[in-house]
Amino acid sequence: MQQVIQQIQPEASPLAGIAHATWAGEAEGLSQLSVWRQSMAPGAGTPPHSHDCDEVVLCLAGSGELHSNGRVQRFGANCTLVLPKGELHQFFNVGEVALETLGIFAATPVATHLPEGEALDLPWRS
């Protein structure tokens, strides 16, 4: 069913420095796509993790680093990060303002795993 949804702003999560809002996913009737909006405080970062699906992250504002496959890549506003299924990665805010991102995933719900393969139970609707 088609929908027009008034989006909520990201809210603080139990992950230090990360505010999150799930903008679309299974609860909205999707079967193959999830959209997340996040804001990361200066100095904050995600744990190293991977997903069981492809991920595309659009950087809307701020500056960050992507750590993946032994590489560190800097990015900022108007950059797109392409993360294939199963690729271990980690994000950090290396700027002085919030890092604002929009994550698009080719699955719903989004399965997330720590480096050893165990499930990372996210503190938000995935």
PDB file of N, CA and C in Angstrom:
ATOM      1  N   MET A   1       0.836  -1.174   0.000  1.00  0.00           N
ATOM      2  CA  MET A   1       0.000   0.000   0.000  1.00  0.00           C
ATOM      3  C   MET A   1       0.887   1.245   0.000  1.00  0.00           C
ATOM      4  N   GLN A   2       0.605   2.202  -0.839  1.00  0.00           N
ATOM      5  CA  GLN A   2       1.346   3.452  -0.893  1.00  0.00           C
ATOM      6  C   GLN A   2       1.085   4.259   0.358  1.00  0.00           C
ATOM      7  N   GLN A   3       2.119   4.978   0.809  1.00  0.00           N
ATOM      8  CA  GLN A   3       1.990   5.784   2.019  1.00  0.00           C
ATOM      9  C   GLN A   3       2.781   7.074   1.884  1.00  0.00           C
ATOM     10  N   VAL A   4       2.337   8.097   2.561  1.00  0.00           N
ATOM     11  CA  VAL A   4       3.122   9.305   2.775  1.00  0.00           C
ATOM     12  C   VAL A   4       3.325   9.393   4.281  1.00  0.00           C
ATOM     13  N   ILE A   5       4.576   9.406   4.706  1.00  0.00           N
ATOM     14  CA  ILE A   5       4.894   9.335   6.129  1.00  0.00           C
ATOM     15  C   ILE A   5       5.590  10.620   6.556  1.00  0.00           C
ATOM     16  N   GLN A   6       5.100  11.244   7.598  1.00  0.00           N
ATOM     17  CA  GLN A   6       5.795  12.381   8.200  1.00  0.00           C
ATOM     18  C   GLN A   6       6.943  11.808   9.027  1.00  0.00           C
ATOM     19  N   GLN A   7       8.170  12.093   8.645  1.00  0.00           N
ATOM     20  CA  GLN A   7       9.326  11.483   9.290  1.00  0.00           C
ATOM     21  C   GLN A   7       9.660  12.146  10.620  1.00  0.00           C
ATOM     22  N   ILE A   8      10.107  11.305  11.552  1.00  0.00           N
ATOM     23  CA  ILE A   8      10.539  11.785  12.860  1.00  0.00           C
ATOM     24  C   ILE A   8      12.036  12.057  12.823  1.00  0.00           C
ATOM     25  N   GLN A   9      12.490  12.922  13.696  1.00  0.00           N
ATOM     26  CA  GLN A   9      13.916  13.195  13.813  1.00  0.00           C
ATOM     27  C   GLN A   9      14.580  12.067  14.602  1.00  0.00           C
ATOM     28  N   PRO A  10      15.853  11.792  14.329  1.00  0.00           N
ATOM     29  CA  PRO A  10      16.553  10.765  15.113  1.00  0.00           C
ATOM     30  C   PRO A  10      16.509  11.098  16.608  1.00  0.00           C
ATOM     31  N   GLU A  11      16.341  10.040  17.408  1.00  0.00           N
ATOM     32  CA  GLU A  11      16.301  10.180  18.864  1.00  0.00           C
ATOM     33  C   GLU A  11      17.472   9.432  19.476  1.00  0.00           C
ATOM     34  N   ALA A  12      17.929   9.881  20.629  1.00  0.00           N
ATOM     35  CA  ALA A  12      19.060   9.260  21.317  1.00  0.00           C
ATOM     36  C   ALA A  12      18.823   7.759  21.467  1.00  0.00           C
ATOM     37  N   SER A  13      19.887   6.999  21.323  1.00  0.00           N
ATOM     38  CA  SER A  13      19.811   5.550  21.473  1.00  0.00           C
ATOM     39  C   SER A  13      20.785   5.116  22.570  1.00  0.00           C
ATOM     40  N   PRO A  14      20.717   3.864  23.006  1.00  0.00           N
ATOM     41  CA  PRO A  14      21.684   3.368  23.992  1.00  0.00           C
ATOM     42  C   PRO A  14      23.122   3.299  23.455  1.00  0.00           C
ATOM     43  N   LEU A  15      23.306   3.393  22.127  1.00  0.00           N
ATOM     44  CA  LEU A  15      24.660   3.447  21.579  1.00  0.00           C
ATOM     45  C   LEU A  15      25.172   4.875  21.736  1.00  0.00           C
ATOM     46  N   ALA A  16      26.234   5.050  22.503  1.00  0.00           N
ATOM     47  CA  ALA A  16      26.737   6.374  22.858  1.00  0.00           C
ATOM     48  C   ALA A  16      26.945   7.254  21.635  1.00  0.00           C
ATOM     49  N   GLY A  17      26.323   8.431  21.656  1.00  0.00           N
ATOM     50  CA  GLY A  17      26.526   9.424  20.618  1.00  0.00           C
ATOM     51  C   GLY A  17      25.769   9.190  19.331  1.00  0.00           C
ATOM     52  N   ILE A  18      24.907   8.155  19.271  1.00  0.00           N
ATOM     53  CA  ILE A  18      24.172   7.850  18.047  1.00  0.00           C
ATOM     54  C   ILE A  18      22.679   8.040  18.271  1.00  0.00           C
ATOM     55  N   ALA A  19      22.097   8.937  17.484  1.00  0.00           N
ATOM     56  CA  ALA A  19      20.646   9.124  17.473  1.00  0.00           C
ATOM     57  C   ALA A  19      20.119   8.445  16.218  1.00  0.00           C
ATOM     58  N   HIS A  20      18.960   7.781  16.325  1.00  0.00           N
ATOM     59  CA  HIS A  20      18.455   6.948  15.233  1.00  0.00           C
ATOM     60  C   HIS A  20      16.950   7.119  15.050  1.00  0.00           C
ATOM     61  N   ALA A  21      16.532   7.005  13.789  1.00  0.00           N
ATOM     62  CA  ALA A  21      15.110   6.898  13.445  1.00  0.00           C
ATOM     63  C   ALA A  21      14.998   5.942  12.264  1.00  0.00           C
ATOM     64  N   THR A  22      14.161   4.928  12.383  1.00  0.00           N
ATOM     65  CA  THR A  22      13.866   4.067  11.239  1.00  0.00           C
ATOM     66  C   THR A  22      12.747   4.747  10.472  1.00  0.00           C
ATOM     67  N   TRP A  23      13.039   5.155   9.235  1.00  0.00           N
ATOM     68  CA  TRP A  23      12.056   5.905   8.454  1.00  0.00           C
ATOM     69  C   TRP A  23      11.154   5.006   7.623  1.00  0.00           C
ATOM     70  N   ALA A  24      11.626   3.828   7.263  1.00  0.00           N
ATOM     71  CA  ALA A  24      10.782   2.899   6.506  1.00  0.00           C
ATOM     72  C   ALA A  24      11.353   1.498   6.648  1.00  0.00           C
ATOM     73  N   GLY A  25      10.447   0.533   6.672  1.00  0.00           N
ATOM     74  CA  GLY A  25      10.866  -0.858   6.794  1.00  0.00           C
ATOM     75  C   GLY A  25       9.668  -1.775   6.816  1.00  0.00           C
ATOM     76  N   GLU A  26       9.838  -2.879   7.481  1.00  0.00           N
ATOM     77  CA  GLU A  26       8.800  -3.899   7.549  1.00  0.00           C
ATOM     78  C   GLU A  26       7.481  -3.353   8.105  1.00  0.00           C
ATOM     79  N   ALA A  27       7.557  -2.497   9.117  1.00  0.00           N
ATOM     80  CA  ALA A  27       6.340  -1.946   9.734  1.00  0.00           C
ATOM     81  C   ALA A  27       5.524  -1.096   8.768  1.00  0.00           C
ATOM     82  N   GLU A  28       6.180  -0.580   7.729  1.00  0.00           N
ATOM     83  CA  GLU A  28       5.489   0.222   6.721  1.00  0.00           C
ATOM     84  C   GLU A  28       5.080  -0.609   5.508  1.00  0.00           C
ATOM     85  N   GLY A  29       5.202  -1.927   5.623  1.00  0.00           N
ATOM     86  CA  GLY A  29       4.763  -2.822   4.557  1.00  0.00           C
ATOM     87  C   GLY A  29       5.827  -3.200   3.544  1.00  0.00           C
ATOM     88  N   LEU A  30       7.087  -2.790   3.790  1.00  0.00           N
ATOM     89  CA  LEU A  30       8.158  -3.155   2.858  1.00  0.00           C
ATOM     90  C   LEU A  30       8.626  -4.580   3.111  1.00  0.00           C
ATOM     91  N   SER A  31       9.087  -5.238   2.068  1.00  0.00           N
ATOM     92  CA  SER A  31       9.585  -6.602   2.216  1.00  0.00           C
ATOM     93  C   SER A  31      11.051  -6.734   1.822  1.00  0.00           C
ATOM     94  N   GLN A  32      11.646  -5.709   1.196  1.00  0.00           N
ATOM     95  CA  GLN A  32      13.021  -5.829   0.707  1.00  0.00           C
ATOM     96  C   GLN A  32      13.859  -4.572   0.900  1.00  0.00           C
ATOM     97  N   LEU A  33      13.416  -3.640   1.740  1.00  0.00           N
ATOM     98  CA  LEU A  33      14.120  -2.365   1.865  1.00  0.00           C
ATOM     99  C   LEU A  33      13.895  -1.764   3.241  1.00  0.00           C
ATOM    100  N   SER A  34      14.961  -1.133   3.782  1.00  0.00           N
ATOM    101  CA  SER A  34      14.864  -0.376   5.028  1.00  0.00           C
ATOM    102  C   SER A  34      15.592   0.941   4.849  1.00  0.00           C
ATOM    103  N   VAL A  35      15.080   1.987   5.495  1.00  0.00           N
ATOM    104  CA  VAL A  35      15.704   3.304   5.444  1.00  0.00           C
ATOM    105  C   VAL A  35      15.884   3.800   6.873  1.00  0.00           C
ATOM    106  N   TRP A  36      17.138   4.152   7.211  1.00  0.00           N
ATOM    107  CA  TRP A  36      17.465   4.647   8.543  1.00  0.00           C
ATOM    108  C   TRP A  36      18.033   6.052   8.435  1.00  0.00           C
ATOM    109  N   ARG A  37      17.654   6.911   9.361  1.00  0.00           N
ATOM    110  CA  ARG A  37      18.226   8.255   9.467  1.00  0.00           C
ATOM    111  C   ARG A  37      18.989   8.301  10.776  1.00  0.00           C
ATOM    112  N   GLN A  38      20.262   8.721  10.721  1.00  0.00           N
ATOM    113  CA  GLN A  38      21.063   8.765  11.938  1.00  0.00           C
ATOM    114  C   GLN A  38      21.836  10.069  12.054  1.00  0.00           C
ATOM    115  N   SER A  39      22.115  10.419  13.299  1.00  0.00           N
ATOM    116  CA  SER A  39      22.951  11.560  13.634  1.00  0.00           C
ATOM    117  C   SER A  39      23.979  11.070  14.644  1.00  0.00           C
ATOM    118  N   MET A  40      25.255  11.310  14.346  1.00  0.00           N
ATOM    119  CA  MET A  40      26.331  10.828  15.211  1.00  0.00           C
ATOM    120  C   MET A  40      27.091  12.033  15.767  1.00  0.00           C
ATOM    121  N   ALA A  41      27.223  12.092  17.073  1.00  0.00           N
ATOM    122  CA  ALA A  41      27.900  13.202  17.740  1.00  0.00           C
ATOM    123  C   ALA A  41      29.394  13.205  17.418  1.00  0.00           C
ATOM    124  N   PRO A  42      30.035  14.369  17.488  1.00  0.00           N
ATOM    125  CA  PRO A  42      31.485  14.422  17.279  1.00  0.00           C
ATOM    126  C   PRO A  42      32.206  13.435  18.200  1.00  0.00           C
ATOM    127  N   GLY A  43      33.140  12.686  17.633  1.00  0.00           N
ATOM    128  CA  GLY A  43      33.912  11.714  18.397  1.00  0.00           C
ATOM    129  C   GLY A  43      33.260  10.350  18.541  1.00  0.00           C
ATOM    130  N   ALA A  44      31.989  10.225  18.197  1.00  0.00           N
ATOM    131  CA  ALA A  44      31.281   8.947  18.339  1.00  0.00           C
ATOM    132  C   ALA A  44      31.590   8.026  17.167  1.00  0.00           C
ATOM    133  N   GLY A  45      31.302   6.744  17.356  1.00  0.00           N
ATOM    134  CA  GLY A  45      31.502   5.761  16.301  1.00  0.00           C
ATOM    135  C   GLY A  45      30.622   4.548  16.513  1.00  0.00           C
ATOM    136  N   THR A  46      30.471   3.785  15.459  1.00  0.00           N
ATOM    137  CA  THR A  46      29.730   2.533  15.548  1.00  0.00           C
ATOM    138  C   THR A  46      30.691   1.415  15.936  1.00  0.00           C
ATOM    139  N   PRO A  47      30.183   0.313  16.450  1.00  0.00           N
ATOM    140  CA  PRO A  47      31.051  -0.848  16.610  1.00  0.00           C
ATOM    141  C   PRO A  47      31.336  -1.440  15.226  1.00  0.00           C
ATOM    142  N   PRO A  48      32.426  -2.191  15.064  1.00  0.00           N
ATOM    143  CA  PRO A  48      32.626  -2.873  13.788  1.00  0.00           C
ATOM    144  C   PRO A  48      31.480  -3.859  13.581  1.00  0.00           C
ATOM    145  N   HIS A  49      30.915  -3.872  12.370  1.00  0.00           N
ATOM    146  CA  HIS A  49      29.756  -4.722  12.120  1.00  0.00           C
ATOM    147  C   HIS A  49      29.595  -4.977  10.625  1.00  0.00           C
ATOM    148  N   SER A  50      28.707  -5.904  10.299  1.00  0.00           N
ATOM    149  CA  SER A  50      28.342  -6.190   8.910  1.00  0.00           C
ATOM    150  C   SER A  50      26.849  -6.466   8.869  1.00  0.00           C
ATOM    151  N   HIS A  51      26.315  -6.502   7.639  1.00  0.00           N
ATOM    152  CA  HIS A  51      24.893  -6.766   7.436  1.00  0.00           C
ATOM    153  C   HIS A  51      24.733  -7.904   6.436  1.00  0.00           C
ATOM    154  N   ASP A  52      23.591  -8.569   6.484  1.00  0.00           N
ATOM    155  CA  ASP A  52      23.276  -9.658   5.558  1.00  0.00           C
ATOM    156  C   ASP A  52      22.703  -9.149   4.240  1.00  0.00           C
ATOM    157  N   CYS A  53      22.900  -7.862   3.957  1.00  0.00           N
ATOM    158  CA  CYS A  53      22.375  -7.261   2.722  1.00  0.00           C
ATOM    159  C   CYS A  53      23.287  -6.114   2.307  1.00  0.00           C
ATOM    160  N   ASP A  54      23.116  -5.653   1.080  1.00  0.00           N
ATOM    161  CA  ASP A  54      23.826  -4.467   0.615  1.00  0.00           C
ATOM    162  C   ASP A  54      23.330  -3.245   1.380  1.00  0.00           C
ATOM    163  N   GLU A  55      24.231  -2.258   1.533  1.00  0.00           N
ATOM    164  CA  GLU A  55      23.904  -1.016   2.228  1.00  0.00           C
ATOM    165  C   GLU A  55      24.485   0.158   1.443  1.00  0.00           C
ATOM    166  N   VAL A  56      23.722   1.223   1.359  1.00  0.00           N
ATOM    167  CA  VAL A  56      24.195   2.477   0.789  1.00  0.00           C
ATOM    168  C   VAL A  56      23.946   3.550   1.843  1.00  0.00           C
ATOM    169  N   VAL A  57      24.973   4.346   2.126  1.00  0.00           N
ATOM    170  CA  VAL A  57      24.852   5.419   3.109  1.00  0.00           C
ATOM    171  C   VAL A  57      25.097   6.743   2.402  1.00  0.00           C
ATOM    172  N   LEU A  58      24.156   7.658   2.549  1.00  0.00           N
ATOM    173  CA  LEU A  58      24.285   9.003   1.996  1.00  0.00           C
ATOM    174  C   LEU A  58      24.678   9.927   3.135  1.00  0.00           C
ATOM    175  N   CYS A  59      25.785  10.643   2.989  1.00  0.00           N
ATOM    176  CA  CYS A  59      26.201  11.605   4.002  1.00  0.00           C
ATOM    177  C   CYS A  59      25.539  12.937   3.678  1.00  0.00           C
ATOM    178  N   LEU A  60      24.738  13.429   4.608  1.00  0.00           N
ATOM    179  CA  LEU A  60      23.990  14.672   4.418  1.00  0.00           C
ATOM    180  C   LEU A  60      24.734  15.883   4.971  1.00  0.00           C
ATOM    181  N   ALA A  61      25.510  15.672   6.045  1.00  0.00           N
ATOM    182  CA  ALA A  61      26.248  16.771   6.677  1.00  0.00           C
ATOM    183  C   ALA A  61      27.316  16.189   7.594  1.00  0.00           C
ATOM    184  N   GLY A  62      28.349  16.986   7.850  1.00  0.00           N
ATOM    185  CA  GLY A  62      29.416  16.571   8.740  1.00  0.00           C
ATOM    186  C   GLY A  62      30.536  15.885   7.993  1.00  0.00           C
ATOM    187  N   SER A  63      31.450  15.303   8.769  1.00  0.00           N
ATOM    188  CA  SER A  63      32.569  14.581   8.159  1.00  0.00           C
ATOM    189  C   SER A  63      32.873  13.339   8.981  1.00  0.00           C
ATOM    190  N   GLY A  64      33.205  12.271   8.269  1.00  0.00           N
ATOM    191  CA  GLY A  64      33.431  11.011   8.947  1.00  0.00           C
ATOM    192  C   GLY A  64      34.538  10.201   8.324  1.00  0.00           C
ATOM    193  N   GLU A  65      34.776   9.056   8.937  1.00  0.00           N
ATOM    194  CA  GLU A  65      35.705   8.069   8.409  1.00  0.00           C
ATOM    195  C   GLU A  65      34.986   6.736   8.318  1.00  0.00           C
ATOM    196  N   LEU A  66      35.238   6.033   7.238  1.00  0.00           N
ATOM    197  CA  LEU A  66      34.785   4.665   7.047  1.00  0.00           C
ATOM    198  C   LEU A  66      35.998   3.766   7.186  1.00  0.00           C
ATOM    199  N   HIS A  67      35.950   2.829   8.129  1.00  0.00           N
ATOM    200  CA  HIS A  67      36.999   1.834   8.302  1.00  0.00           C
ATOM    201  C   HIS A  67      36.463   0.516   7.755  1.00  0.00           C
ATOM    202  N   SER A  68      37.129  -0.043   6.747  1.00  0.00           N
ATOM    203  CA  SER A  68      36.667  -1.286   6.124  1.00  0.00           C
ATOM    204  C   SER A  68      37.799  -1.911   5.323  1.00  0.00           C
ATOM    205  N   ASN A  69      37.930  -3.222   5.424  1.00  0.00           N
ATOM    206  CA  ASN A  69      38.945  -3.963   4.658  1.00  0.00           C
ATOM    207  C   ASN A  69      40.352  -3.402   4.851  1.00  0.00           C
ATOM    208  N   GLY A  70      40.677  -2.990   6.070  1.00  0.00           N
ATOM    209  CA  GLY A  70      42.001  -2.470   6.365  1.00  0.00           C
ATOM    210  C   GLY A  70      42.257  -1.072   5.832  1.00  0.00           C
ATOM    211  N   ARG A  71      41.240  -0.436   5.293  1.00  0.00           N
ATOM    212  CA  ARG A  71      41.377   0.913   4.744  1.00  0.00           C
ATOM    213  C   ARG A  71      40.595   1.909   5.587  1.00  0.00           C
ATOM    214  N   VAL A  72      41.081   3.138   5.599  1.00  0.00           N
ATOM    215  CA  VAL A  72      40.373   4.245   6.229  1.00  0.00           C
ATOM    216  C   VAL A  72      40.107   5.265   5.135  1.00  0.00           C
ATOM    217  N   GLN A  73      38.824   5.589   4.944  1.00  0.00           N
ATOM    218  CA  GLN A  73      38.446   6.549   3.922  1.00  0.00           C
ATOM    219  C   GLN A  73      37.651   7.676   4.556  1.00  0.00           C
ATOM    220  N   ARG A  74      38.053   8.887   4.303  1.00  0.00           N
ATOM    221  CA  ARG A  74      37.331  10.061   4.799  1.00  0.00           C
ATOM    222  C   ARG A  74      36.173  10.376   3.861  1.00  0.00           C
ATOM    223  N   PHE A  75      35.094  10.918   4.412  1.00  0.00           N
ATOM    224  CA  PHE A  75      33.952  11.323   3.611  1.00  0.00           C
ATOM    225  C   PHE A  75      33.249  12.505   4.273  1.00  0.00           C
ATOM    226  N   GLY A  76      32.429  13.179   3.490  1.00  0.00           N
ATOM    227  CA  GLY A  76      31.683  14.325   3.996  1.00  0.00           C
ATOM    228  C   GLY A  76      30.372  14.461   3.257  1.00  0.00           C
ATOM    229  N   ALA A  77      29.743  15.603   3.449  1.00  0.00           N
ATOM    230  CA  ALA A  77      28.448  15.873   2.826  1.00  0.00           C
ATOM    231  C   ALA A  77      28.525  15.632   1.326  1.00  0.00           C
ATOM    232  N   ASN A  78      27.459  15.064   0.800  1.00  0.00           N
ATOM    233  CA  ASN A  78      27.313  14.746  -0.626  1.00  0.00           C
ATOM    234  C   ASN A  78      28.158  13.563  -1.078  1.00  0.00           C
ATOM    235  N   CYS A  79      28.646  12.756  -0.142  1.00  0.00           N
ATOM    236  CA  CYS A  79      29.335  11.509  -0.475  1.00  0.00           C
ATOM    237  C   CYS A  79      28.374  10.341  -0.281  1.00  0.00           C
ATOM    238  N   THR A  80      28.571   9.307  -1.094  1.00  0.00           N
ATOM    239  CA  THR A  80      27.797   8.077  -0.998  1.00  0.00           C
ATOM    240  C   THR A  80      28.750   6.942  -0.669  1.00  0.00           C
ATOM    241  N   LEU A  81      28.431   6.172   0.362  1.00  0.00           N
ATOM    242  CA  LEU A  81      29.227   5.019   0.761  1.00  0.00           C
ATOM    243  C   LEU A  81      28.502   3.768   0.297  1.00  0.00           C
ATOM    244  N   VAL A  82      29.201   2.893  -0.401  1.00  0.00           N
ATOM    245  CA  VAL A  82      28.621   1.655  -0.924  1.00  0.00           C
ATOM    246  C   VAL A  82      29.252   0.493  -0.175  1.00  0.00           C
ATOM    247  N   LEU A  83      28.419  -0.270   0.538  1.00  0.00           N
ATOM    248  CA  LEU A  83      28.888  -1.363   1.389  1.00  0.00           C
ATOM    249  C   LEU A  83      28.199  -2.658   0.976  1.00  0.00           C
ATOM    250  N   PRO A  84      28.922  -3.521   0.257  1.00  0.00           N
ATOM    251  CA  PRO A  84      28.330  -4.788  -0.163  1.00  0.00           C
ATOM    252  C   PRO A  84      27.980  -5.693   1.019  1.00  0.00           C
ATOM    253  N   LYS A  85      27.046  -6.552   0.796  1.00  0.00           N
ATOM    254  CA  LYS A  85      26.593  -7.549   1.768  1.00  0.00           C
ATOM    255  C   LYS A  85      27.788  -8.246   2.418  1.00  0.00           C
ATOM    256  N   GLY A  86      27.760  -8.342   3.752  1.00  0.00           N
ATOM    257  CA  GLY A  86      28.764  -9.080   4.498  1.00  0.00           C
ATOM    258  C   GLY A  86      30.069  -8.350   4.744  1.00  0.00           C
ATOM    259  N   GLU A  87      30.245  -7.136   4.222  1.00  0.00           N
ATOM    260  CA  GLU A  87      31.500  -6.405   4.392  1.00  0.00           C
ATOM    261  C   GLU A  87      31.563  -5.771   5.778  1.00  0.00           C
ATOM    262  N   LEU A  88      32.588  -6.140   6.547  1.00  0.00           N
ATOM    263  CA  LEU A  88      32.783  -5.586   7.883  1.00  0.00           C
ATOM    264  C   LEU A  88      33.162  -4.111   7.752  1.00  0.00           C
ATOM    265  N   HIS A  89      32.493  -3.250   8.522  1.00  0.00           N
ATOM    266  CA  HIS A  89      32.771  -1.817   8.438  1.00  0.00           C
ATOM    267  C   HIS A  89      32.470  -1.133   9.767  1.00  0.00           C
ATOM    268  N   GLN A  90      32.979   0.092   9.871  1.00  0.00           N
ATOM    269  CA  GLN A  90      32.789   0.904  11.071  1.00  0.00           C
ATOM    270  C   GLN A  90      32.842   2.368  10.646  1.00  0.00           C
ATOM    271  N   PHE A  91      31.962   3.198  11.230  1.00  0.00           N
ATOM    272  CA  PHE A  91      31.919   4.628  10.942  1.00  0.00           C
ATOM    273  C   PHE A  91      32.346   5.413  12.174  1.00  0.00           C
ATOM    274  N   PHE A  92      33.008   6.551  11.950  1.00  0.00           N
ATOM    275  CA  PHE A  92      33.371   7.471  13.022  1.00  0.00           C
ATOM    276  C   PHE A  92      33.074   8.895  12.578  1.00  0.00           C
ATOM    277  N   ASN A  93      32.611   9.709  13.510  1.00  0.00           N
ATOM    278  CA  ASN A  93      32.480  11.135  13.251  1.00  0.00           C
ATOM    279  C   ASN A  93      33.809  11.766  13.634  1.00  0.00           C
ATOM    280  N   VAL A  94      34.525  12.310  12.658  1.00  0.00           N
ATOM    281  CA  VAL A  94      35.825  12.931  12.909  1.00  0.00           C
ATOM    282  C   VAL A  94      35.747  14.451  12.833  1.00  0.00           C
ATOM    283  N   GLY A  95      34.543  14.988  12.745  1.00  0.00           N
ATOM    284  CA  GLY A  95      34.363  16.432  12.641  1.00  0.00           C
ATOM    285  C   GLY A  95      33.946  17.056  13.961  1.00  0.00           C
ATOM    286  N   GLU A  96      33.645  18.338  13.883  1.00  0.00           N
ATOM    287  CA  GLU A  96      33.252  19.099  15.067  1.00  0.00           C
ATOM    288  C   GLU A  96      31.752  19.318  15.165  1.00  0.00           C
ATOM    289  N   VAL A  97      30.998  18.817  14.168  1.00  0.00           N
ATOM    290  CA  VAL A  97      29.538  18.908  14.184  1.00  0.00           C
ATOM    291  C   VAL A  97      28.973  17.507  13.971  1.00  0.00           C
ATOM    292  N   ALA A  98      27.685  17.367  14.160  1.00  0.00           N
ATOM    293  CA  ALA A  98      27.037  16.058  13.997  1.00  0.00           C
ATOM    294  C   ALA A  98      27.244  15.522  12.576  1.00  0.00           C
ATOM    295  N   LEU A  99      27.465  14.222  12.473  1.00  0.00           N
ATOM    296  CA  LEU A  99      27.532  13.514  11.197  1.00  0.00           C
ATOM    297  C   LEU A  99      26.122  13.021  10.899  1.00  0.00           C
ATOM    298  N   GLU A 100      25.521  13.543   9.836  1.00  0.00           N
ATOM    299  CA  GLU A 100      24.136  13.238   9.490  1.00  0.00           C
ATOM    300  C   GLU A 100      24.116  12.295   8.290  1.00  0.00           C
ATOM    301  N   THR A 101      23.474  11.129   8.448  1.00  0.00           N
ATOM    302  CA  THR A 101      23.463  10.133   7.377  1.00  0.00           C
ATOM    303  C   THR A 101      22.069   9.556   7.157  1.00  0.00           C
ATOM    304  N   LEU A 102      21.892   9.027   5.963  1.00  0.00           N
ATOM    305  CA  LEU A 102      20.700   8.284   5.593  1.00  0.00           C
ATOM    306  C   LEU A 102      21.185   6.935   5.078  1.00  0.00           C
ATOM    307  N   GLY A 103      20.787   5.855   5.751  1.00  0.00           N
ATOM    308  CA  GLY A 103      21.190   4.506   5.365  1.00  0.00           C
ATOM    309  C   GLY A 103      20.065   3.782   4.658  1.00  0.00           C
ATOM    310  N   ILE A 104      20.386   3.157   3.541  1.00  0.00           N
ATOM    311  CA  ILE A 104      19.398   2.418   2.756  1.00  0.00           C
ATOM    312  C   ILE A 104      19.895   0.981   2.662  1.00  0.00           C
ATOM    313  N   PHE A 105      19.050   0.050   3.077  1.00  0.00           N
ATOM    314  CA  PHE A 105      19.417  -1.361   3.162  1.00  0.00           C
ATOM    315  C   PHE A 105      18.509  -2.189   2.267  1.00  0.00           C
ATOM    316  N   ALA A 106      19.084  -3.218   1.651  1.00  0.00           N
ATOM    317  CA  ALA A 106      18.332  -4.084   0.739  1.00  0.00           C
ATOM    318  C   ALA A 106      17.659  -5.235   1.484  1.00  0.00           C
ATOM    319  N   ALA A 107      17.162  -4.960   2.684  1.00  0.00           N
ATOM    320  CA  ALA A 107      16.460  -5.977   3.480  1.00  0.00           C
ATOM    321  C   ALA A 107      15.632  -5.284   4.553  1.00  0.00           C
ATOM    322  N   THR A 108      14.662  -5.997   5.042  1.00  0.00           N
ATOM    323  CA  THR A 108      13.918  -5.579   6.219  1.00  0.00           C
ATOM    324  C   THR A 108      13.363  -6.831   6.884  1.00  0.00           C
ATOM    325  N   PRO A 109      13.616  -7.036   8.161  1.00  0.00           N
ATOM    326  CA  PRO A 109      14.497  -6.248   9.016  1.00  0.00           C
ATOM    327  C   PRO A 109      15.959  -6.396   8.594  1.00  0.00           C
ATOM    328  N   VAL A 110      16.821  -5.559   9.158  1.00  0.00           N
ATOM    329  CA  VAL A 110      18.240  -5.543   8.818  1.00  0.00           C
ATOM    330  C   VAL A 110      19.002  -6.386   9.838  1.00  0.00           C
ATOM    331  N   ALA A 111      19.554  -7.514   9.397  1.00  0.00           N
ATOM    332  CA  ALA A 111      20.372  -8.350  10.282  1.00  0.00           C
ATOM    333  C   ALA A 111      21.771  -7.741  10.376  1.00  0.00           C
ATOM    334  N   THR A 112      22.277  -7.596  11.607  1.00  0.00           N
ATOM    335  CA  THR A 112      23.570  -6.960  11.848  1.00  0.00           C
ATOM    336  C   THR A 112      24.409  -7.895  12.702  1.00  0.00           C
ATOM    337  N   HIS A 113      25.706  -8.004  12.350  1.00  0.00           N
ATOM    338  CA  HIS A 113      26.595  -8.952  13.031  1.00  0.00           C
ATOM    339  C   HIS A 113      27.899  -8.288  13.455  1.00  0.00           C
ATOM    340  N   LEU A 114      28.426  -8.731  14.588  1.00  0.00           N
ATOM    341  CA  LEU A 114      29.739  -8.324  15.061  1.00  0.00           C
ATOM    342  C   LEU A 114      30.815  -9.092  14.280  1.00  0.00           C
ATOM    343  N   PRO A 115      32.096  -8.713  14.414  1.00  0.00           N
ATOM    344  CA  PRO A 115      33.149  -9.349  13.611  1.00  0.00           C
ATOM    345  C   PRO A 115      33.225 -10.871  13.729  1.00  0.00           C
ATOM    346  N   GLU A 116      32.914 -11.423  14.890  1.00  0.00           N
ATOM    347  CA  GLU A 116      32.993 -12.879  15.070  1.00  0.00           C
ATOM    348  C   GLU A 116      31.765 -13.594  14.524  1.00  0.00           C
ATOM    349  N   GLY A 117      30.784 -12.836  14.028  1.00  0.00           N
ATOM    350  CA  GLY A 117      29.602 -13.436  13.427  1.00  0.00           C
ATOM    351  C   GLY A 117      28.360 -13.447  14.298  1.00  0.00           C
ATOM    352  N   GLU A 118      28.499 -13.164  15.596  1.00  0.00           N
ATOM    353  CA  GLU A 118      27.310 -13.173  16.443  1.00  0.00           C
ATOM    354  C   GLU A 118      26.440 -11.963  16.146  1.00  0.00           C
ATOM    355  N   ALA A 119      25.159 -12.136  16.376  1.00  0.00           N
ATOM    356  CA  ALA A 119      24.196 -11.080  16.080  1.00  0.00           C
ATOM    357  C   ALA A 119      24.422  -9.881  16.981  1.00  0.00           C
ATOM    358  N   LEU A 120      24.329  -8.692  16.401  1.00  0.00           N
ATOM    359  CA  LEU A 120      24.348  -7.450  17.166  1.00  0.00           C
ATOM    360  C   LEU A 120      22.907  -6.999  17.273  1.00  0.00           C
ATOM    361  N   ASP A 121      22.348  -7.098  18.473  1.00  0.00           N
ATOM    362  CA  ASP A 121      20.968  -6.676  18.685  1.00  0.00           C
ATOM    363  C   ASP A 121      20.935  -5.167  18.783  1.00  0.00           C
ATOM    364  N   LEU A 122      20.411  -4.527  17.757  1.00  0.00           N
ATOM    365  CA  LEU A 122      20.340  -3.075  17.720  1.00  0.00           C
ATOM    366  C   LEU A 122      19.240  -2.567  18.641  1.00  0.00           C
ATOM    367  N   PRO A 123      19.459  -1.427  19.286  1.00  0.00           N
ATOM    368  CA  PRO A 123      18.471  -0.912  20.245  1.00  0.00           C
ATOM    369  C   PRO A 123      17.363  -0.108  19.596  1.00  0.00           C
ATOM    370  N   TRP A 124      17.090  -0.352  18.321  1.00  0.00           N
ATOM    371  CA  TRP A 124      16.022   0.338  17.611  1.00  0.00           C
ATOM    372  C   TRP A 124      15.340  -0.622  16.650  1.00  0.00           C
ATOM    373  N   ARG A 125      14.236  -0.175  16.091  1.00  0.00           N
ATOM    374  CA  ARG A 125      13.498  -0.978  15.106  1.00  0.00           C
ATOM    375  C   ARG A 125      14.354  -1.082  13.861  1.00  0.00           C
ATOM    376  N   SER A 126      14.709  -2.305  13.489  1.00  0.00           N
ATOM    377  CA  SER A 126      15.593  -2.498  12.345  1.00  0.00           C
ATOM    378  C   SER A 126      14.784  -2.894  11.127  1.00  0.00           C
TER     379      SER A 126
END
